[in-house]
Amino acid sequence: MAEGSKEKLNITLHVYDEDIHATIDRADEEFYRAAAKLISERYGAYAQVFAGIKSDHTIALMTLVEIALRYEKELGKNDTVPYRDILSQLTSEIEEVIK
């Protein structure tokens, strides 16, 4: 295998009530399987509560919104801008003292 290329893998993911075939990087298999499991669990929870009340499409969208919300919250936790700002300020103060 050429250096820098990634080994591909054909997998079948069972997402809620459907099998989805995908060709992925072997290194990402664990993430794909975990994602399929999360989607299935959350969709199943919404389907149980809203069966006959909401359409399958709406239940899928509710599932997507919940997962996207989790993603956005996690992105907010990884905001390094405040740390960079503090480090920049401290660096400036140290440089002033050294002069």
PDB file of N, CA and C in Angstrom:
ATOM      1  N   MET A   1       0.848  -1.185   0.000  1.00  0.00           N
ATOM      2  CA  MET A   1       0.000   0.000   0.000  1.00  0.00           C
ATOM      3  C   MET A   1       0.887   1.240   0.000  1.00  0.00           C
ATOM      4  N   ALA A   2       0.497   2.222  -0.766  1.00  0.00           N
ATOM      5  CA  ALA A   2       1.294   3.448  -0.877  1.00  0.00           C
ATOM      6  C   ALA A   2       1.289   4.210   0.436  1.00  0.00           C
ATOM      7  N   GLU A   3       2.413   4.834   0.715  1.00  0.00           N
ATOM      8  CA  GLU A   3       2.533   5.614   1.945  1.00  0.00           C
ATOM      9  C   GLU A   3       1.556   6.782   1.919  1.00  0.00           C
ATOM     10  N   GLY A   4       0.850   7.015   3.025  1.00  0.00           N
ATOM     11  CA  GLY A   4      -0.074   8.129   3.118  1.00  0.00           C
ATOM     12  C   GLY A   4      -1.496   7.763   2.725  1.00  0.00           C
ATOM     13  N   SER A   5      -1.698   6.655   1.997  1.00  0.00           N
ATOM     14  CA  SER A   5      -3.059   6.269   1.640  1.00  0.00           C
ATOM     15  C   SER A   5      -3.683   5.498   2.798  1.00  0.00           C
ATOM     16  N   LYS A   6      -4.994   5.477   2.804  1.00  0.00           N
ATOM     17  CA  LYS A   6      -5.697   4.820   3.903  1.00  0.00           C
ATOM     18  C   LYS A   6      -6.352   3.550   3.399  1.00  0.00           C
ATOM     19  N   GLU A   7      -6.346   2.527   4.213  1.00  0.00           N
ATOM     20  CA  GLU A   7      -6.971   1.268   3.861  1.00  0.00           C
ATOM     21  C   GLU A   7      -8.488   1.427   3.948  1.00  0.00           C
ATOM     22  N   LYS A   8      -9.177   1.038   2.891  1.00  0.00           N
ATOM     23  CA  LYS A   8     -10.635   1.146   2.838  1.00  0.00           C
ATOM     24  C   LYS A   8     -11.266  -0.156   3.311  1.00  0.00           C
ATOM     25  N   LEU A   9     -12.475  -0.039   3.814  1.00  0.00           N
ATOM     26  CA  LEU A   9     -13.204  -1.175   4.343  1.00  0.00           C
ATOM     27  C   LEU A   9     -14.663  -1.022   3.953  1.00  0.00           C
ATOM     28  N   ASN A  10     -15.275  -2.096   3.439  1.00  0.00           N
ATOM     29  CA  ASN A  10     -16.703  -2.107   3.143  1.00  0.00           C
ATOM     30  C   ASN A  10     -17.425  -2.660   4.356  1.00  0.00           C
ATOM     31  N   ILE A  11     -18.364  -1.875   4.893  1.00  0.00           N
ATOM     32  CA  ILE A  11     -19.110  -2.323   6.065  1.00  0.00           C
ATOM     33  C   ILE A  11     -20.602  -2.140   5.828  1.00  0.00           C
ATOM     34  N   THR A  12     -21.377  -2.820   6.649  1.00  0.00           N
ATOM     35  CA  THR A  12     -22.819  -2.642   6.665  1.00  0.00           C
ATOM     36  C   THR A  12     -23.186  -2.149   8.048  1.00  0.00           C
ATOM     37  N   LEU A  13     -23.827  -0.994   8.091  1.00  0.00           N
ATOM     38  CA  LEU A  13     -24.266  -0.417   9.357  1.00  0.00           C
ATOM     39  C   LEU A  13     -25.767  -0.634   9.491  1.00  0.00           C
ATOM     40  N   HIS A  14     -26.183  -1.125  10.618  1.00  0.00           N
ATOM     41  CA  HIS A  14     -27.618  -1.257  10.879  1.00  0.00           C
ATOM     42  C   HIS A  14     -28.041  -0.003  11.644  1.00  0.00           C
ATOM     43  N   VAL A  15     -28.813   0.848  10.959  1.00  0.00           N
ATOM     44  CA  VAL A  15     -29.275   2.098  11.552  1.00  0.00           C
ATOM     45  C   VAL A  15     -30.782   2.020  11.685  1.00  0.00           C
ATOM     46  N   TYR A  16     -31.225   1.927  12.928  1.00  0.00           N
ATOM     47  CA  TYR A  16     -32.628   1.752  13.315  1.00  0.00           C
ATOM     48  C   TYR A  16     -33.218   0.523  12.629  1.00  0.00           C
ATOM     49  N   ASP A  17     -33.884   0.688  11.500  1.00  0.00           N
ATOM     50  CA  ASP A  17     -34.491  -0.476  10.855  1.00  0.00           C
ATOM     51  C   ASP A  17     -33.986  -0.690   9.434  1.00  0.00           C
ATOM     52  N   GLU A  18     -32.820  -0.148   9.157  1.00  0.00           N
ATOM     53  CA  GLU A  18     -32.292  -0.233   7.794  1.00  0.00           C
ATOM     54  C   GLU A  18     -30.797  -0.524   7.806  1.00  0.00           C
ATOM     55  N   ASP A  19     -30.365  -1.326   6.834  1.00  0.00           N
ATOM     56  CA  ASP A  19     -28.941  -1.586   6.666  1.00  0.00           C
ATOM     57  C   ASP A  19     -28.391  -0.611   5.637  1.00  0.00           C
ATOM     58  N   ILE A  20     -27.262  -0.001   5.968  1.00  0.00           N
ATOM     59  CA  ILE A  20     -26.620   0.962   5.089  1.00  0.00           C
ATOM     60  C   ILE A  20     -25.209   0.457   4.807  1.00  0.00           C
ATOM     61  N   HIS A  21     -24.897   0.334   3.516  1.00  0.00           N
ATOM     62  CA  HIS A  21     -23.569  -0.120   3.101  1.00  0.00           C
ATOM     63  C   HIS A  21     -22.690   1.108   2.883  1.00  0.00           C
ATOM     64  N   ALA A  22     -21.458   1.031   3.355  1.00  0.00           N
ATOM     65  CA  ALA A  22     -20.552   2.172   3.230  1.00  0.00           C
ATOM     66  C   ALA A  22     -19.122   1.677   3.036  1.00  0.00           C
ATOM     67  N   THR A  23     -18.364   2.456   2.295  1.00  0.00           N
ATOM     68  CA  THR A  23     -16.933   2.224   2.155  1.00  0.00           C
ATOM     69  C   THR A  23     -16.245   3.325   2.950  1.00  0.00           C
ATOM     70  N   ILE A  24     -15.474   2.910   3.941  1.00  0.00           N
ATOM     71  CA  ILE A  24     -14.898   3.860   4.898  1.00  0.00           C
ATOM     72  C   ILE A  24     -13.408   3.592   5.073  1.00  0.00           C
ATOM     73  N   ASP A  25     -12.731   4.529   5.715  1.00  0.00           N
ATOM     74  CA  ASP A  25     -11.352   4.291   6.134  1.00  0.00           C
ATOM     75  C   ASP A  25     -11.399   3.335   7.319  1.00  0.00           C
ATOM     76  N   ARG A  26     -10.559   2.327   7.271  1.00  0.00           N
ATOM     77  CA  ARG A  26     -10.547   1.317   8.334  1.00  0.00           C
ATOM     78  C   ARG A  26     -10.385   1.966   9.717  1.00  0.00           C
ATOM     79  N   ALA A  27      -9.611   3.023   9.804  1.00  0.00           N
ATOM     80  CA  ALA A  27      -9.364   3.696  11.081  1.00  0.00           C
ATOM     81  C   ALA A  27     -10.634   4.320  11.660  1.00  0.00           C
ATOM     82  N   ASP A  28     -11.629   4.565  10.817  1.00  0.00           N
ATOM     83  CA  ASP A  28     -12.870   5.209  11.269  1.00  0.00           C
ATOM     84  C   ASP A  28     -13.992   4.228  11.593  1.00  0.00           C
ATOM     85  N   GLU A  29     -13.747   2.945  11.447  1.00  0.00           N
ATOM     86  CA  GLU A  29     -14.819   1.961  11.628  1.00  0.00           C
ATOM     87  C   GLU A  29     -15.512   2.087  12.989  1.00  0.00           C
ATOM     88  N   GLU A  30     -14.740   2.196  14.030  1.00  0.00           N
ATOM     89  CA  GLU A  30     -15.298   2.298  15.385  1.00  0.00           C
ATOM     90  C   GLU A  30     -16.249   3.491  15.494  1.00  0.00           C
ATOM     91  N   PHE A  31     -15.878   4.615  14.886  1.00  0.00           N
ATOM     92  CA  PHE A  31     -16.702   5.823  14.945  1.00  0.00           C
ATOM     93  C   PHE A  31     -18.002   5.656  14.164  1.00  0.00           C
ATOM     94  N   TYR A  32     -17.918   5.031  12.998  1.00  0.00           N
ATOM     95  CA  TYR A  32     -19.129   4.781  12.212  1.00  0.00           C
ATOM     96  C   TYR A  32     -20.095   3.876  12.978  1.00  0.00           C
ATOM     97  N   ARG A  33     -19.564   2.832  13.572  1.00  0.00           N
ATOM     98  CA  ARG A  33     -20.439   1.899  14.308  1.00  0.00           C
ATOM     99  C   ARG A  33     -21.059   2.580  15.530  1.00  0.00           C
ATOM    100  N   ALA A  34     -20.279   3.388  16.221  1.00  0.00           N
ATOM    101  CA  ALA A  34     -20.814   4.123  17.375  1.00  0.00           C
ATOM    102  C   ALA A  34     -21.871   5.124  16.927  1.00  0.00           C
ATOM    103  N   ALA A  35     -21.647   5.779  15.795  1.00  0.00           N
ATOM    104  CA  ALA A  35     -22.620   6.744  15.272  1.00  0.00           C
ATOM    105  C   ALA A  35     -23.919   6.042  14.904  1.00  0.00           C
ATOM    106  N   ALA A  36     -23.820   4.893  14.247  1.00  0.00           N
ATOM    107  CA  ALA A  36     -25.025   4.136  13.878  1.00  0.00           C
ATOM    108  C   ALA A  36     -25.799   3.713  15.122  1.00  0.00           C
ATOM    109  N   LYS A  37     -25.077   3.305  16.147  1.00  0.00           N
ATOM    110  CA  LYS A  37     -25.723   2.898  17.401  1.00  0.00           C
ATOM    111  C   LYS A  37     -26.433   4.078  18.057  1.00  0.00           C
ATOM    112  N   LEU A  38     -25.768   5.230  18.118  1.00  0.00           N
ATOM    113  CA  LEU A  38     -26.366   6.427  18.708  1.00  0.00           C
ATOM    114  C   LEU A  38     -27.629   6.835  17.954  1.00  0.00           C
ATOM    115  N   ILE A  39     -27.540   6.872  16.626  1.00  0.00           N
ATOM    116  CA  ILE A  39     -28.706   7.247  15.823  1.00  0.00           C
ATOM    117  C   ILE A  39     -29.857   6.271  16.078  1.00  0.00           C
ATOM    118  N   SER A  40     -29.558   4.991  16.089  1.00  0.00           N
ATOM    119  CA  SER A  40     -30.595   3.981  16.316  1.00  0.00           C
ATOM    120  C   SER A  40     -31.247   4.147  17.684  1.00  0.00           C
ATOM    121  N   GLU A  41     -30.432   4.360  18.697  1.00  0.00           N
ATOM    122  CA  GLU A  41     -30.967   4.529  20.054  1.00  0.00           C
ATOM    123  C   GLU A  41     -31.845   5.767  20.169  1.00  0.00           C
ATOM    124  N   ARG A  42     -31.373   6.884  19.660  1.00  0.00           N
ATOM    125  CA  ARG A  42     -32.131   8.134  19.785  1.00  0.00           C
ATOM    126  C   ARG A  42     -33.379   8.120  18.917  1.00  0.00           C
ATOM    127  N   TYR A  43     -33.263   7.602  17.691  1.00  0.00           N
ATOM    128  CA  TYR A  43     -34.435   7.513  16.825  1.00  0.00           C
ATOM    129  C   TYR A  43     -35.474   6.591  17.460  1.00  0.00           C
ATOM    130  N   GLY A  44     -35.009   5.475  18.009  1.00  0.00           N
ATOM    131  CA  GLY A  44     -35.917   4.529  18.667  1.00  0.00           C
ATOM    132  C   GLY A  44     -36.651   5.161  19.835  1.00  0.00           C
ATOM    133  N   ALA A  45     -35.952   5.983  20.604  1.00  0.00           N
ATOM    134  CA  ALA A  45     -36.590   6.653  21.740  1.00  0.00           C
ATOM    135  C   ALA A  45     -37.676   7.612  21.263  1.00  0.00           C
ATOM    136  N   TYR A  46     -37.376   8.395  20.223  1.00  0.00           N
ATOM    137  CA  TYR A  46     -38.385   9.319  19.687  1.00  0.00           C
ATOM    138  C   TYR A  46     -39.538   8.549  19.049  1.00  0.00           C
ATOM    139  N   ALA A  47     -39.235   7.485  18.326  1.00  0.00           N
ATOM    140  CA  ALA A  47     -40.278   6.691  17.663  1.00  0.00           C
ATOM    141  C   ALA A  47     -41.222   6.071  18.686  1.00  0.00           C
ATOM    142  N   GLN A  48     -40.678   5.667  19.808  1.00  0.00           N
ATOM    143  CA  GLN A  48     -41.509   5.061  20.852  1.00  0.00           C
ATOM    144  C   GLN A  48     -42.488   6.081  21.424  1.00  0.00           C
ATOM    145  N   VAL A  49     -42.033   7.297  21.626  1.00  0.00           N
ATOM    146  CA  VAL A  49     -42.869   8.349  22.210  1.00  0.00           C
ATOM    147  C   VAL A  49     -43.850   8.929  21.188  1.00  0.00           C
ATOM    148  N   PHE A  50     -43.408   9.110  19.956  1.00  0.00           N
ATOM    149  CA  PHE A  50     -44.199   9.845  18.969  1.00  0.00           C
ATOM    150  C   PHE A  50     -44.807   8.980  17.863  1.00  0.00           C
ATOM    151  N   ALA A  51     -44.746   7.647  17.984  1.00  0.00           N
ATOM    152  CA  ALA A  51     -45.323   6.769  16.960  1.00  0.00           C
ATOM    153  C   ALA A  51     -46.805   7.093  16.790  1.00  0.00           C
ATOM    154  N   GLY A  52     -47.206   7.294  15.536  1.00  0.00           N
ATOM    155  CA  GLY A  52     -48.605   7.607  15.253  1.00  0.00           C
ATOM    156  C   GLY A  52     -48.961   9.070  15.457  1.00  0.00           C
ATOM    157  N   ILE A  53     -48.052   9.818  16.060  1.00  0.00           N
ATOM    158  CA  ILE A  53     -48.296  11.245  16.315  1.00  0.00           C
ATOM    159  C   ILE A  53     -47.503  12.089  15.326  1.00  0.00           C
ATOM    160  N   LYS A  54     -46.241  11.720  15.112  1.00  0.00           N
ATOM    161  CA  LYS A  54     -45.348  12.438  14.208  1.00  0.00           C
ATOM    162  C   LYS A  54     -44.968  11.516  13.052  1.00  0.00           C
ATOM    163  N   SER A  55     -44.652  12.104  11.913  1.00  0.00           N
ATOM    164  CA  SER A  55     -44.218  11.304  10.761  1.00  0.00           C
ATOM    165  C   SER A  55     -42.804  10.770  10.999  1.00  0.00           C
ATOM    166  N   ASP A  56     -42.439   9.742  10.229  1.00  0.00           N
ATOM    167  CA  ASP A  56     -41.077   9.210  10.315  1.00  0.00           C
ATOM    168  C   ASP A  56     -40.061  10.299   9.982  1.00  0.00           C
ATOM    169  N   HIS A  57     -40.395  11.137   9.027  1.00  0.00           N
ATOM    170  CA  HIS A  57     -39.506  12.233   8.635  1.00  0.00           C
ATOM    171  C   HIS A  57     -39.276  13.187   9.808  1.00  0.00           C
ATOM    172  N   THR A  58     -40.349  13.551  10.501  1.00  0.00           N
ATOM    173  CA  THR A  58     -40.223  14.460  11.646  1.00  0.00           C
ATOM    174  C   THR A  58     -39.427  13.814  12.767  1.00  0.00           C
ATOM    175  N   ILE A  59     -39.646  12.547  13.002  1.00  0.00           N
ATOM    176  CA  ILE A  59     -38.887  11.832  14.036  1.00  0.00           C
ATOM    177  C   ILE A  59     -37.404  11.811  13.664  1.00  0.00           C
ATOM    178  N   ALA A  60     -37.102  11.607  12.383  1.00  0.00           N
ATOM    179  CA  ALA A  60     -35.705  11.628  11.940  1.00  0.00           C
ATOM    180  C   ALA A  60     -35.095  13.009  12.154  1.00  0.00           C
ATOM    181  N   LEU A  61     -35.864  14.052  11.849  1.00  0.00           N
ATOM    182  CA  LEU A  61     -35.349  15.411  12.049  1.00  0.00           C
ATOM    183  C   LEU A  61     -35.144  15.715  13.525  1.00  0.00           C
ATOM    184  N   MET A  62     -36.040  15.252  14.375  1.00  0.00           N
ATOM    185  CA  MET A  62     -35.881  15.461  15.821  1.00  0.00           C
ATOM    186  C   MET A  62     -34.602  14.773  16.297  1.00  0.00           C
ATOM    187  N   THR A  63     -34.342  13.589  15.776  1.00  0.00           N
ATOM    188  CA  THR A  63     -33.126  12.855  16.116  1.00  0.00           C
ATOM    189  C   THR A  63     -31.890  13.636  15.671  1.00  0.00           C
ATOM    190  N   LEU A  64     -31.924  14.148  14.451  1.00  0.00           N
ATOM    191  CA  LEU A  64     -30.800  14.931  13.937  1.00  0.00           C
ATOM    192  C   LEU A  64     -30.557  16.182  14.767  1.00  0.00           C
ATOM    193  N   VAL A  65     -31.631  16.858  15.150  1.00  0.00           N
ATOM    194  CA  VAL A  65     -31.474  18.068  15.960  1.00  0.00           C
ATOM    195  C   VAL A  65     -30.824  17.734  17.298  1.00  0.00           C
ATOM    196  N   GLU A  66     -31.265  16.656  17.935  1.00  0.00           N
ATOM    197  CA  GLU A  66     -30.670  16.288  19.226  1.00  0.00           C
ATOM    198  C   GLU A  66     -29.182  15.977  19.081  1.00  0.00           C
ATOM    199  N   ILE A  67     -28.819  15.215  18.057  1.00  0.00           N
ATOM    200  CA  ILE A  67     -27.421  14.847  17.877  1.00  0.00           C
ATOM    201  C   ILE A  67     -26.594  16.069  17.493  1.00  0.00           C
ATOM    202  N   ALA A  68     -27.143  16.951  16.657  1.00  0.00           N
ATOM    203  CA  ALA A  68     -26.437  18.182  16.290  1.00  0.00           C
ATOM    204  C   ALA A  68     -26.254  19.079  17.507  1.00  0.00           C
ATOM    205  N   LEU A  69     -27.248  19.122  18.380  1.00  0.00           N
ATOM    206  CA  LEU A  69     -27.141  19.910  19.606  1.00  0.00           C
ATOM    207  C   LEU A  69     -25.998  19.392  20.471  1.00  0.00           C
ATOM    208  N   ARG A  70     -25.906  18.084  20.620  1.00  0.00           N
ATOM    209  CA  ARG A  70     -24.788  17.501  21.374  1.00  0.00           C
ATOM    210  C   ARG A  70     -23.449  17.899  20.752  1.00  0.00           C
ATOM    211  N   TYR A  71     -23.383  17.831  19.437  1.00  0.00           N
ATOM    212  CA  TYR A  71     -22.167  18.181  18.708  1.00  0.00           C
ATOM    213  C   TYR A  71     -21.790  19.639  18.950  1.00  0.00           C
ATOM    214  N   GLU A  72     -22.771  20.535  18.829  1.00  0.00           N
ATOM    215  CA  GLU A  72     -22.505  21.963  19.026  1.00  0.00           C
ATOM    216  C   GLU A  72     -22.056  22.255  20.454  1.00  0.00           C
ATOM    217  N   LYS A  73     -22.666  21.608  21.429  1.00  0.00           N
ATOM    218  CA  LYS A  73     -22.256  21.802  22.823  1.00  0.00           C
ATOM    219  C   LYS A  73     -20.820  21.334  23.022  1.00  0.00           C
ATOM    220  N   GLU A  74     -20.475  20.223  22.391  1.00  0.00           N
ATOM    221  CA  GLU A  74     -19.113  19.693  22.521  1.00  0.00           C
ATOM    222  C   GLU A  74     -18.101  20.630  21.856  1.00  0.00           C
ATOM    223  N   LEU A  75     -18.471  21.210  20.735  1.00  0.00           N
ATOM    224  CA  LEU A  75     -17.588  22.190  20.085  1.00  0.00           C
ATOM    225  C   LEU A  75     -17.322  23.379  21.002  1.00  0.00           C
ATOM    226  N   GLY A  76     -18.354  23.812  21.711  1.00  0.00           N
ATOM    227  CA  GLY A  76     -18.200  24.939  22.630  1.00  0.00           C
ATOM    228  C   GLY A  76     -17.240  24.643  23.759  1.00  0.00           C
ATOM    229  N   LYS A  77     -17.177  23.403  24.174  1.00  0.00           N
ATOM    230  CA  LYS A  77     -16.255  23.017  25.245  1.00  0.00           C
ATOM    231  C   LYS A  77     -14.811  23.087  24.791  1.00  0.00           C
ATOM    232  N   ASN A  78     -14.593  22.975  23.501  1.00  0.00           N
ATOM    233  CA  ASN A  78     -13.234  22.932  22.958  1.00  0.00           C
ATOM    234  C   ASN A  78     -12.758  24.288  22.456  1.00  0.00           C
ATOM    235  N   ASP A  79     -13.399  25.358  22.881  1.00  0.00           N
ATOM    236  CA  ASP A  79     -13.028  26.699  22.443  1.00  0.00           C
ATOM    237  C   ASP A  79     -11.730  27.106  23.132  1.00  0.00           C
ATOM    238  N   THR A  80     -10.683  27.274  22.352  1.00  0.00           N
ATOM    239  CA  THR A  80      -9.374  27.625  22.914  1.00  0.00           C
ATOM    240  C   THR A  80      -9.073  29.115  22.814  1.00  0.00           C
ATOM    241  N   VAL A  81      -9.962  29.890  22.217  1.00  0.00           N
ATOM    242  CA  VAL A  81      -9.729  31.330  22.047  1.00  0.00           C
ATOM    243  C   VAL A  81      -9.462  32.025  23.385  1.00  0.00           C
ATOM    244  N   PRO A  82     -10.258  31.779  24.427  1.00  0.00           N
ATOM    245  CA  PRO A  82      -9.960  32.457  25.703  1.00  0.00           C
ATOM    246  C   PRO A  82      -8.561  32.145  26.233  1.00  0.00           C
ATOM    247  N   TYR A  83      -8.110  30.919  26.057  1.00  0.00           N
ATOM    248  CA  TYR A  83      -6.776  30.542  26.527  1.00  0.00           C
ATOM    249  C   TYR A  83      -5.694  31.239  25.716  1.00  0.00           C
ATOM    250  N   ARG A  84      -5.895  31.310  24.399  1.00  0.00           N
ATOM    251  CA  ARG A  84      -4.920  32.005  23.558  1.00  0.00           C
ATOM    252  C   ARG A  84      -4.866  33.486  23.916  1.00  0.00           C
ATOM    253  N   ASP A  85      -6.022  34.086  24.190  1.00  0.00           N
ATOM    254  CA  ASP A  85      -6.061  35.502  24.560  1.00  0.00           C
ATOM    255  C   ASP A  85      -5.303  35.752  25.868  1.00  0.00           C
ATOM    256  N   ILE A  86      -5.521  34.900  26.844  1.00  0.00           N
ATOM    257  CA  ILE A  86      -4.834  35.039  28.131  1.00  0.00           C
ATOM    258  C   ILE A  86      -3.330  34.866  27.955  1.00  0.00           C
ATOM    259  N   LEU A  87      -2.933  33.850  27.179  1.00  0.00           N
ATOM    260  CA  LEU A  87      -1.503  33.629  26.934  1.00  0.00           C
ATOM    261  C   LEU A  87      -0.880  34.809  26.209  1.00  0.00           C
ATOM    262  N   SER A  88      -1.586  35.378  25.269  1.00  0.00           N
ATOM    263  CA  SER A  88      -1.087  36.544  24.544  1.00  0.00           C
ATOM    264  C   SER A  88      -0.911  37.732  25.491  1.00  0.00           C
ATOM    265  N   GLN A  89      -1.887  37.933  26.358  1.00  0.00           N
ATOM    266  CA  GLN A  89      -1.812  39.038  27.329  1.00  0.00           C
ATOM    267  C   GLN A  89      -0.648  38.820  28.287  1.00  0.00           C
ATOM    268  N   LEU A  90      -0.510  37.609  28.804  1.00  0.00           N
ATOM    269  CA  LEU A  90       0.594  37.311  29.720  1.00  0.00           C
ATOM    270  C   LEU A  90       1.950  37.490  29.036  1.00  0.00           C
ATOM    271  N   THR A  91       2.038  37.058  27.787  1.00  0.00           N
ATOM    272  CA  THR A  91       3.279  37.222  27.031  1.00  0.00           C
ATOM    273  C   THR A  91       3.633  38.694  26.897  1.00  0.00           C
ATOM    274  N   SER A  92       2.632  39.505  26.573  1.00  0.00           N
ATOM    275  CA  SER A  92       2.868  40.953  26.454  1.00  0.00           C
ATOM    276  C   SER A  92       3.342  41.546  27.770  1.00  0.00           C
ATOM    277  N   GLU A  93       2.717  41.156  28.880  1.00  0.00           N
ATOM    278  CA  GLU A  93       3.100  41.679  30.193  1.00  0.00           C
ATOM    279  C   GLU A  93       4.516  41.243  30.553  1.00  0.00           C
ATOM    280  N   ILE A  94       4.875  40.016  30.258  1.00  0.00           N
ATOM    281  CA  ILE A  94       6.224  39.528  30.548  1.00  0.00           C
ATOM    282  C   ILE A  94       7.251  40.290  29.713  1.00  0.00           C
ATOM    283  N   GLU A  95       6.933  40.516  28.442  1.00  0.00           N
ATOM    284  CA  GLU A  95       7.860  41.261  27.571  1.00  0.00           C
ATOM    285  C   GLU A  95       8.053  42.703  28.068  1.00  0.00           C
ATOM    286  N   GLU A  96       6.993  43.303  28.600  1.00  0.00           N
ATOM    287  CA  GLU A  96       7.102  44.669  29.145  1.00  0.00           C
ATOM    288  C   GLU A  96       8.015  44.708  30.365  1.00  0.00           C
ATOM    289  N   VAL A  97       7.905  43.703  31.208  1.00  0.00           N
ATOM    290  CA  VAL A  97       8.731  43.642  32.413  1.00  0.00           C
ATOM    291  C   VAL A  97      10.183  43.399  32.042  1.00  0.00           C
ATOM    292  N   ILE A  98      10.446  42.613  31.051  1.00  0.00           N
ATOM    293  CA  ILE A  98      11.807  42.284  30.643  1.00  0.00           C
ATOM    294  C   ILE A  98      12.500  43.482  30.018  1.00  0.00           C
ATOM    295  N   LYS A  99      11.791  44.365  29.372  1.00  0.00           N
ATOM    296  CA  LYS A  99      12.408  45.529  28.689  1.00  0.00           C
ATOM    297  C   LYS A  99      13.153  46.419  29.622  1.00  0.00           C
TER     298      LYS A  99
END
